[in-house]
Amino acid sequence: MARKKTLPKSIHKKDKKQPLTRDALEIVATHFRAMGDATRLELIQALMEGEKSVQDLSNLTGMSQANISKHLSVLAEHGIVAKRKEGLYSLYRVVDYSVYDLCNVVCKSISDRYQRVHDEFLGTGI
């Protein structure tokens, strides 16, 4: 039996804002593309614990420092991370904390979806 799709409790019709312009949607899409890479998500995840150098991130992830620097520059360009100099090192940190909320919402949605699929599969008697 098909379930009726309803909006999450956090979304109410009275709370809806005016639709974004095409230009605004392009800006949003660009921001999502900046985070739409597993390597960048891994770096954001590593930075959840606090600021780290490229060398620290390389040690944690096993990625090359050049690759990490390239991805951090994309994240910095979009205002997601920032860096500060400390001696010879640049330390990176997350400055747009909304990425944590976004990651939590997406991860929960994926988890819920797969749990429903799992539950429906078990309910078939197979």
Protein backbone atom coordinates (compact mmCIF):
# COMPACT_ATOMS: atom_id res chain seq x y z
CA MET A 1 0.00 0.00 0.00
CA ALA A 2 1.44 3.37 -1.00
CA ARG A 3 2.08 5.85 1.77
CA LYS A 4 0.73 9.34 1.49
CA LYS A 5 3.61 11.76 1.21
CA THR A 6 3.44 14.64 3.65
CA LEU A 7 5.72 17.55 4.33
CA PRO A 8 7.99 17.24 7.37
CA LYS A 9 6.70 18.95 10.49
CA SER A 10 9.44 21.56 10.13
CA ILE A 11 7.91 22.72 6.82
CA HIS A 12 4.55 24.42 7.02
CA LYS A 13 2.75 26.23 4.24
CA LYS A 14 2.58 29.40 6.31
CA ASP A 15 6.38 29.34 6.64
CA LYS A 16 6.99 29.16 2.90
CA LYS A 17 9.01 31.99 1.48
CA GLN A 18 8.79 33.52 -1.95
CA PRO A 19 10.43 31.42 -4.66
CA LEU A 20 14.04 32.31 -5.34
CA THR A 21 15.05 34.01 -8.54
CA ARG A 22 17.01 32.05 -11.14
CA ASP A 23 20.18 33.96 -10.18
CA ALA A 24 19.67 33.10 -6.51
CA LEU A 25 19.08 29.45 -7.40
CA GLU A 26 22.37 29.42 -9.34
CA ILE A 27 24.17 30.67 -6.22
CA VAL A 28 22.56 27.95 -4.10
CA ALA A 29 23.42 25.29 -6.70
CA THR A 30 27.04 26.45 -6.76
CA HIS A 31 27.20 26.14 -2.96
CA PHE A 32 25.75 22.62 -3.12
CA ARG A 33 28.23 21.66 -5.85
CA ALA A 34 31.08 22.82 -3.60
CA MET A 35 29.94 20.28 -1.02
CA GLY A 36 28.88 17.66 -3.57
CA ASP A 37 32.16 15.79 -3.48
CA ALA A 38 32.96 12.91 -1.11
CA THR A 39 36.51 14.17 -0.60
CA ARG A 40 35.28 17.60 0.48
CA LEU A 41 32.71 16.03 2.79
CA GLU A 42 35.46 13.92 4.33
CA LEU A 43 37.53 17.06 4.94
CA ILE A 44 34.54 18.87 6.48
CA GLN A 45 33.96 15.85 8.69
CA ALA A 46 37.60 15.86 9.81
CA LEU A 47 37.35 19.57 10.61
CA MET A 48 34.33 18.98 12.86
CA GLU A 49 36.80 18.23 15.64
CA GLY A 50 38.53 21.60 15.22
CA GLU A 51 41.03 23.34 13.02
CA LYS A 52 43.74 21.33 11.32
CA SER A 53 46.64 21.84 8.97
CA VAL A 54 46.84 20.29 5.53
CA GLN A 55 49.45 17.91 6.94
CA ASP A 56 47.08 16.90 9.77
CA LEU A 57 44.30 16.29 7.25
CA SER A 58 46.66 14.29 5.05
CA ASN A 59 47.62 12.09 8.00
CA LEU A 60 43.95 11.57 8.91
CA THR A 61 42.63 10.85 5.43
CA GLY A 62 45.61 9.38 3.59
CA MET A 63 45.15 11.90 0.78
CA SER A 64 48.00 13.88 -0.71
CA GLN A 65 48.58 17.38 0.60
CA ALA A 66 48.19 18.79 -2.94
CA ASN A 67 44.78 17.15 -3.32
CA ILE A 68 43.64 18.37 0.10
CA SER A 69 44.81 21.92 -0.65
CA LYS A 70 42.87 21.91 -3.92
CA HIS A 71 39.66 20.81 -2.21
CA LEU A 72 40.11 23.19 0.73
CA SER A 73 40.51 26.10 -1.66
CA VAL A 74 37.12 25.25 -3.24
CA LEU A 75 35.51 25.10 0.20
CA ALA A 76 37.18 28.39 1.19
CA GLU A 77 36.06 30.07 -2.04
CA HIS A 78 32.47 29.26 -1.08
CA GLY A 79 32.83 30.46 2.53
CA ILE A 80 32.55 27.01 4.07
CA VAL A 81 36.06 26.92 5.56
CA ALA A 82 38.64 29.57 6.37
CA LYS A 83 42.32 29.44 7.11
CA ARG A 84 44.69 31.27 9.38
CA LYS A 85 48.46 31.29 9.37
CA GLU A 86 50.38 30.03 12.36
CA GLY A 87 54.09 30.10 11.68
CA LEU A 88 54.77 28.01 8.60
CA TYR A 89 51.38 26.31 8.70
CA SER A 90 47.92 27.26 7.50
CA LEU A 91 45.22 25.99 9.82
CA TYR A 92 41.77 25.37 8.39
CA ARG A 93 38.45 25.45 10.20
CA VAL A 94 34.77 25.32 9.31
CA VAL A 95 33.20 28.79 9.42
CA ASP A 96 29.79 28.00 7.93
CA TYR A 97 28.29 25.83 10.65
CA SER A 98 25.11 25.33 8.63
CA VAL A 99 26.99 22.59 6.75
CA TYR A 100 26.73 20.45 9.90
CA ASP A 101 22.95 20.92 10.02
CA LEU A 102 22.71 20.17 6.31
CA CYS A 103 24.83 17.02 6.64
CA ASN A 104 22.73 15.85 9.61
CA VAL A 105 19.47 16.41 7.72
CA VAL A 106 20.71 14.57 4.62
CA CYS A 107 22.24 11.69 6.61
CA LYS A 108 19.05 11.24 8.64
CA SER A 109 16.94 11.29 5.49
CA ILE A 110 19.13 8.62 3.87
CA SER A 111 19.08 6.51 7.03
CA ASP A 112 15.27 6.79 7.31
CA ARG A 113 14.82 5.90 3.65
CA TYR A 114 16.96 2.79 3.88
CA GLN A 115 15.31 1.77 7.12
CA ARG A 116 11.89 1.98 5.42
CA VAL A 117 13.16 -0.08 2.47
CA HIS A 118 14.65 -2.61 4.89
CA ASP A 119 11.39 -2.79 6.88
CA GLU A 120 9.31 -3.18 3.71
CA PHE A 121 11.62 -5.93 2.45
CA LEU A 122 11.30 -7.85 5.72
CA GLY A 123 7.53 -7.43 5.59
CA THR A 124 7.31 -9.27 2.25
CA GLY A 125 8.11 -12.63 3.81
CA ILE A 126 11.08 -13.19 1.55
